[in-house]
């Protein structure tokens, strides 16, 4: 079993996930489910909360960080920027960056 070949149990769960959903895999099956969902294009990313975050985790979160940075940039350029929302996003992005950095230590 891997992210390209799910067990019957995980394939059943994957079939229940709607396109565009947010999925968190909390320490189950080496993140095969969210990785498979990302590869199938059902989700954009998945916060795979594992001890050893692999390359899929890092790549998808780095792509997410880039997209969010673009969103924040556009919000800040607005005539009346939504400061509270920008601060919320920045706080979340800081947490993601910290999680990625912790894995590199």
N, C-alpha and C. Protein backbone atom coordinates (compact mmCIF):
# COMPACT_ATOMS: atom_id res chain seq x y z
N UNK A 1 0.85 -1.19 0.00
CA UNK A 1 0.00 0.00 0.00
C UNK A 1 0.89 1.24 0.00
N UNK A 2 0.49 2.22 -0.80
CA UNK A 2 1.14 3.52 -0.82
C UNK A 2 0.10 4.54 -1.29
N UNK A 3 0.55 5.78 -1.55
CA UNK A 3 -0.41 6.83 -1.95
C UNK A 3 -1.04 6.57 -3.32
N UNK A 4 -0.45 5.67 -4.10
CA UNK A 4 -1.01 5.34 -5.42
C UNK A 4 -1.88 4.08 -5.38
N UNK A 5 -1.74 3.31 -4.32
CA UNK A 5 -2.48 2.05 -4.18
C UNK A 5 -3.01 1.95 -2.75
N UNK A 6 -4.19 2.50 -2.51
CA UNK A 6 -4.78 2.51 -1.17
C UNK A 6 -5.40 1.15 -0.83
N UNK A 7 -5.46 0.87 0.47
CA UNK A 7 -6.18 -0.31 0.93
C UNK A 7 -7.67 -0.09 0.64
N UNK A 8 -8.44 -1.17 0.71
CA UNK A 8 -9.89 -1.05 0.47
C UNK A 8 -10.51 -0.09 1.47
N UNK A 9 -10.04 -0.12 2.71
CA UNK A 9 -10.58 0.77 3.76
C UNK A 9 -10.32 2.22 3.40
N UNK A 10 -9.07 2.56 3.04
CA UNK A 10 -8.75 3.95 2.72
C UNK A 10 -9.38 4.39 1.40
N UNK A 11 -9.49 3.48 0.44
CA UNK A 11 -10.16 3.80 -0.83
C UNK A 11 -11.62 4.15 -0.58
N UNK A 12 -12.25 3.44 0.36
CA UNK A 12 -13.64 3.74 0.72
C UNK A 12 -13.75 5.14 1.33
N UNK A 13 -12.82 5.45 2.24
CA UNK A 13 -12.82 6.78 2.86
C UNK A 13 -12.58 7.84 1.79
N UNK A 14 -11.63 7.61 0.90
CA UNK A 14 -11.30 8.57 -0.16
C UNK A 14 -12.52 8.84 -1.04
N UNK A 15 -13.33 7.83 -1.26
CA UNK A 15 -14.51 8.02 -2.12
C UNK A 15 -15.54 8.94 -1.47
N UNK A 16 -15.46 9.11 -0.17
CA UNK A 16 -16.41 9.96 0.55
C UNK A 16 -15.97 11.43 0.63
N UNK A 17 -14.75 11.72 0.23
CA UNK A 17 -14.20 13.08 0.33
C UNK A 17 -14.63 13.88 -0.89
N UNK A 18 -15.38 14.97 -0.69
CA UNK A 18 -15.80 15.78 -1.84
C UNK A 18 -14.62 16.60 -2.39
N UNK A 19 -14.67 16.90 -3.65
CA UNK A 19 -13.62 17.71 -4.29
C UNK A 19 -13.50 19.04 -3.59
N UNK A 20 -12.28 19.48 -3.37
CA UNK A 20 -12.02 20.77 -2.73
C UNK A 20 -12.11 20.75 -1.22
N UNK A 21 -12.31 19.59 -0.62
CA UNK A 21 -12.44 19.49 0.84
C UNK A 21 -11.10 19.79 1.51
N UNK A 22 -11.17 20.11 2.80
CA UNK A 22 -9.97 20.24 3.63
C UNK A 22 -9.87 18.96 4.44
N UNK A 23 -8.71 18.32 4.40
CA UNK A 23 -8.52 17.04 5.04
C UNK A 23 -7.32 17.11 5.96
N UNK A 24 -7.47 16.56 7.15
CA UNK A 24 -6.34 16.44 8.08
C UNK A 24 -6.14 14.97 8.38
N UNK A 25 -4.95 14.48 8.16
CA UNK A 25 -4.60 13.10 8.46
C UNK A 25 -3.76 13.12 9.73
N UNK A 26 -4.35 12.71 10.82
CA UNK A 26 -3.67 12.81 12.11
C UNK A 26 -3.03 11.46 12.43
N UNK A 27 -1.82 11.26 11.92
CA UNK A 27 -1.02 10.10 12.25
C UNK A 27 -1.55 8.77 11.78
N UNK A 28 -2.27 8.70 10.67
CA UNK A 28 -2.81 7.42 10.22
C UNK A 28 -2.19 7.00 8.90
N UNK A 29 -1.71 5.79 8.85
CA UNK A 29 -1.26 5.16 7.60
C UNK A 29 -0.28 5.99 6.78
N UNK A 30 0.66 6.63 7.42
CA UNK A 30 1.74 7.34 6.73
C UNK A 30 1.24 8.40 5.75
N UNK A 31 0.08 8.97 6.00
CA UNK A 31 -0.50 10.04 5.18
C UNK A 31 -0.84 9.58 3.77
N UNK A 32 -1.08 8.29 3.59
CA UNK A 32 -1.44 7.80 2.27
C UNK A 32 -2.75 8.39 1.77
N UNK A 33 -3.71 8.54 2.65
CA UNK A 33 -5.02 9.05 2.22
C UNK A 33 -4.92 10.47 1.67
N UNK A 34 -4.42 11.45 2.44
CA UNK A 34 -4.36 12.79 1.86
C UNK A 34 -3.40 12.87 0.67
N UNK A 35 -2.33 12.09 0.69
CA UNK A 35 -1.40 12.09 -0.44
C UNK A 35 -2.12 11.60 -1.70
N UNK A 36 -2.91 10.54 -1.56
CA UNK A 36 -3.67 10.02 -2.70
C UNK A 36 -4.70 11.05 -3.17
N UNK A 37 -5.35 11.73 -2.23
CA UNK A 37 -6.34 12.75 -2.58
C UNK A 37 -5.69 13.91 -3.33
N UNK A 38 -4.47 14.28 -2.92
CA UNK A 38 -3.73 15.34 -3.62
C UNK A 38 -3.38 14.87 -5.02
N UNK A 39 -2.85 13.66 -5.13
CA UNK A 39 -2.46 13.14 -6.44
C UNK A 39 -3.65 13.00 -7.39
N UNK A 40 -4.82 12.67 -6.83
CA UNK A 40 -6.04 12.55 -7.64
C UNK A 40 -6.68 13.89 -7.95
N UNK A 41 -6.16 14.96 -7.35
CA UNK A 41 -6.71 16.28 -7.60
C UNK A 41 -7.99 16.58 -6.83
N UNK A 42 -8.34 15.73 -5.85
CA UNK A 42 -9.55 15.98 -5.06
C UNK A 42 -9.35 17.10 -4.04
N UNK A 43 -8.12 17.20 -3.52
CA UNK A 43 -7.80 18.27 -2.58
C UNK A 43 -6.52 18.95 -3.05
N UNK A 44 -6.34 20.21 -2.64
CA UNK A 44 -5.14 20.96 -3.03
C UNK A 44 -3.95 20.62 -2.14
N UNK A 45 -4.23 20.34 -0.90
CA UNK A 45 -3.18 20.04 0.06
C UNK A 45 -3.81 19.33 1.24
N UNK A 46 -2.97 18.78 2.08
CA UNK A 46 -3.46 18.15 3.29
C UNK A 46 -2.44 18.33 4.39
N UNK A 47 -2.86 18.78 5.55
CA UNK A 47 -1.90 18.93 6.66
C UNK A 47 -1.59 17.56 7.25
N UNK A 48 -0.58 16.91 6.74
CA UNK A 48 -0.22 15.57 7.18
C UNK A 48 0.57 15.69 8.47
N UNK A 49 -0.05 15.42 9.57
CA UNK A 49 0.58 15.60 10.87
C UNK A 49 1.27 14.31 11.29
N UNK A 50 2.51 14.18 10.89
CA UNK A 50 3.31 13.00 11.18
C UNK A 50 4.61 13.41 11.83
N UNK A 51 5.28 12.47 12.47
CA UNK A 51 6.57 12.78 13.07
C UNK A 51 7.57 13.20 12.00
N UNK A 52 7.68 12.43 10.94
CA UNK A 52 8.64 12.71 9.86
C UNK A 52 7.88 13.13 8.62
N UNK A 53 7.87 14.41 8.36
CA UNK A 53 7.13 14.92 7.21
C UNK A 53 7.96 14.70 5.96
N UNK A 54 7.36 14.09 4.97
CA UNK A 54 8.08 13.77 3.74
C UNK A 54 8.00 14.86 2.70
N UNK A 55 8.50 14.58 1.52
CA UNK A 55 8.55 15.58 0.46
C UNK A 55 7.18 16.03 -0.02
N UNK A 56 6.18 15.15 0.00
CA UNK A 56 4.84 15.56 -0.43
C UNK A 56 4.31 16.62 0.53
N UNK A 57 4.48 16.38 1.82
CA UNK A 57 4.05 17.35 2.84
C UNK A 57 4.68 18.70 2.57
N UNK A 58 5.98 18.73 2.44
CA UNK A 58 6.70 19.99 2.27
C UNK A 58 6.31 20.69 0.97
N UNK A 59 6.24 19.93 -0.11
CA UNK A 59 5.93 20.54 -1.41
C UNK A 59 4.54 21.17 -1.39
N UNK A 60 3.56 20.44 -0.91
CA UNK A 60 2.19 20.96 -0.92
C UNK A 60 2.04 22.16 0.00
N UNK A 61 2.65 22.12 1.18
CA UNK A 61 2.55 23.26 2.09
C UNK A 61 3.31 24.47 1.56
N UNK A 62 4.42 24.24 0.89
CA UNK A 62 5.16 25.36 0.31
C UNK A 62 4.34 26.00 -0.81
N UNK A 63 3.65 25.18 -1.61
CA UNK A 63 2.76 25.72 -2.64
C UNK A 63 1.63 26.52 -2.00
N UNK A 64 1.09 25.99 -0.91
CA UNK A 64 0.01 26.67 -0.20
C UNK A 64 0.51 28.01 0.33
N UNK A 65 1.69 28.04 0.91
CA UNK A 65 2.25 29.29 1.43
C UNK A 65 2.38 30.33 0.33
N UNK A 66 2.81 29.90 -0.84
CA UNK A 66 2.94 30.84 -1.96
C UNK A 66 1.59 31.40 -2.38
N UNK A 67 0.57 30.53 -2.45
CA UNK A 67 -0.77 31.00 -2.83
C UNK A 67 -1.32 31.98 -1.80
N UNK A 68 -1.15 31.66 -0.53
CA UNK A 68 -1.65 32.54 0.52
C UNK A 68 -0.90 33.87 0.54
N UNK A 69 0.38 33.83 0.27
CA UNK A 69 1.15 35.08 0.21
C UNK A 69 0.62 35.97 -0.90
N UNK A 70 0.24 35.37 -2.02
CA UNK A 70 -0.36 36.14 -3.12
C UNK A 70 -1.70 36.73 -2.69
N UNK A 71 -2.51 35.94 -2.01
CA UNK A 71 -3.83 36.44 -1.53
C UNK A 71 -3.63 37.62 -0.59
N UNK A 72 -2.70 37.49 0.34
CA UNK A 72 -2.43 38.59 1.29
C UNK A 72 -1.97 39.82 0.54
N UNK A 73 -1.09 39.64 -0.44
CA UNK A 73 -0.61 40.77 -1.22
C UNK A 73 -1.77 41.49 -1.90
N UNK A 74 -2.69 40.75 -2.48
CA UNK A 74 -3.85 41.35 -3.14
C UNK A 74 -4.76 42.05 -2.13
N UNK A 75 -4.94 41.46 -0.96
CA UNK A 75 -5.78 42.07 0.08
C UNK A 75 -5.18 43.40 0.54
N UNK A 76 -3.86 43.41 0.70
CA UNK A 76 -3.20 44.62 1.17
C UNK A 76 -3.28 45.74 0.14
N UNK A 77 -3.40 45.40 -1.12
CA UNK A 77 -3.49 46.41 -2.17
C UNK A 77 -4.91 46.98 -2.31
N UNK A 78 -5.87 46.35 -1.66
CA UNK A 78 -7.26 46.82 -1.75
C UNK A 78 -7.38 48.20 -1.12
N UNK A 79 -8.41 48.96 -1.53
CA UNK A 79 -8.63 50.30 -0.98
C UNK A 79 -8.88 50.25 0.52
N UNK A 80 -9.63 49.25 0.96
CA UNK A 80 -9.88 49.08 2.39
C UNK A 80 -9.45 47.66 2.77
N UNK A 81 -8.15 47.45 3.03
CA UNK A 81 -7.67 46.09 3.30
C UNK A 81 -8.31 45.51 4.57
N UNK A 82 -8.71 44.22 4.51
CA UNK A 82 -9.29 43.55 5.68
C UNK A 82 -8.19 43.15 6.66
N UNK A 83 -7.76 44.08 7.48
CA UNK A 83 -6.60 43.91 8.35
C UNK A 83 -6.76 42.69 9.27
N UNK A 84 -7.94 42.52 9.85
CA UNK A 84 -8.14 41.40 10.77
C UNK A 84 -7.92 40.07 10.06
N UNK A 85 -8.48 39.92 8.86
CA UNK A 85 -8.33 38.67 8.10
C UNK A 85 -6.88 38.48 7.70
N UNK A 86 -6.21 39.53 7.29
CA UNK A 86 -4.79 39.45 6.92
C UNK A 86 -3.98 38.96 8.11
N UNK A 87 -4.26 39.49 9.29
CA UNK A 87 -3.54 39.07 10.50
C UNK A 87 -3.80 37.61 10.84
N UNK A 88 -5.04 37.15 10.65
CA UNK A 88 -5.38 35.74 10.91
C UNK A 88 -4.61 34.83 9.95
N UNK A 89 -4.57 35.20 8.69
CA UNK A 89 -3.86 34.39 7.70
C UNK A 89 -2.37 34.38 8.00
N UNK A 90 -1.81 35.54 8.32
CA UNK A 90 -0.39 35.62 8.65
C UNK A 90 -0.04 34.75 9.85
N UNK A 91 -0.90 34.72 10.86
CA UNK A 91 -0.66 33.88 12.04
C UNK A 91 -0.64 32.41 11.65
N UNK A 92 -1.61 31.99 10.83
CA UNK A 92 -1.66 30.61 10.38
C UNK A 92 -0.42 30.27 9.56
N UNK A 93 -0.02 31.16 8.65
CA UNK A 93 1.15 30.92 7.82
C UNK A 93 2.41 30.80 8.66
N UNK A 94 2.50 31.57 9.73
CA UNK A 94 3.64 31.48 10.64
C UNK A 94 3.71 30.10 11.26
N UNK A 95 2.56 29.56 11.64
CA UNK A 95 2.51 28.22 12.23
C UNK A 95 2.95 27.16 11.22
N UNK A 96 2.51 27.31 9.97
CA UNK A 96 2.90 26.36 8.93
C UNK A 96 4.41 26.44 8.69
N UNK A 97 4.93 27.65 8.57
CA UNK A 97 6.37 27.82 8.35
C UNK A 97 7.16 27.21 9.49
N UNK A 98 6.68 27.37 10.71
CA UNK A 98 7.35 26.81 11.88
C UNK A 98 7.35 25.28 11.82
N UNK A 99 6.22 24.71 11.41
CA UNK A 99 6.13 23.24 11.30
C UNK A 99 7.09 22.71 10.26
N UNK A 100 7.20 23.41 9.14
CA UNK A 100 8.12 22.98 8.09
C UNK A 100 9.57 23.14 8.57
N UNK A 101 9.87 24.26 9.22
CA UNK A 101 11.22 24.52 9.72
C UNK A 101 11.62 23.50 10.78
N UNK A 102 10.70 23.14 11.68
CA UNK A 102 10.99 22.17 12.73
C UNK A 102 11.43 20.85 12.14
N UNK A 103 10.87 20.47 11.01
CA UNK A 103 11.21 19.20 10.38
C UNK A 103 12.60 19.23 9.76
N UNK A 104 13.11 20.42 9.47
CA UNK A 104 14.44 20.54 8.87
C UNK A 104 15.55 20.56 9.90
N UNK A 105 15.21 20.59 11.17
CA UNK A 105 16.23 20.65 12.24
C UNK A 105 16.71 19.30 12.63
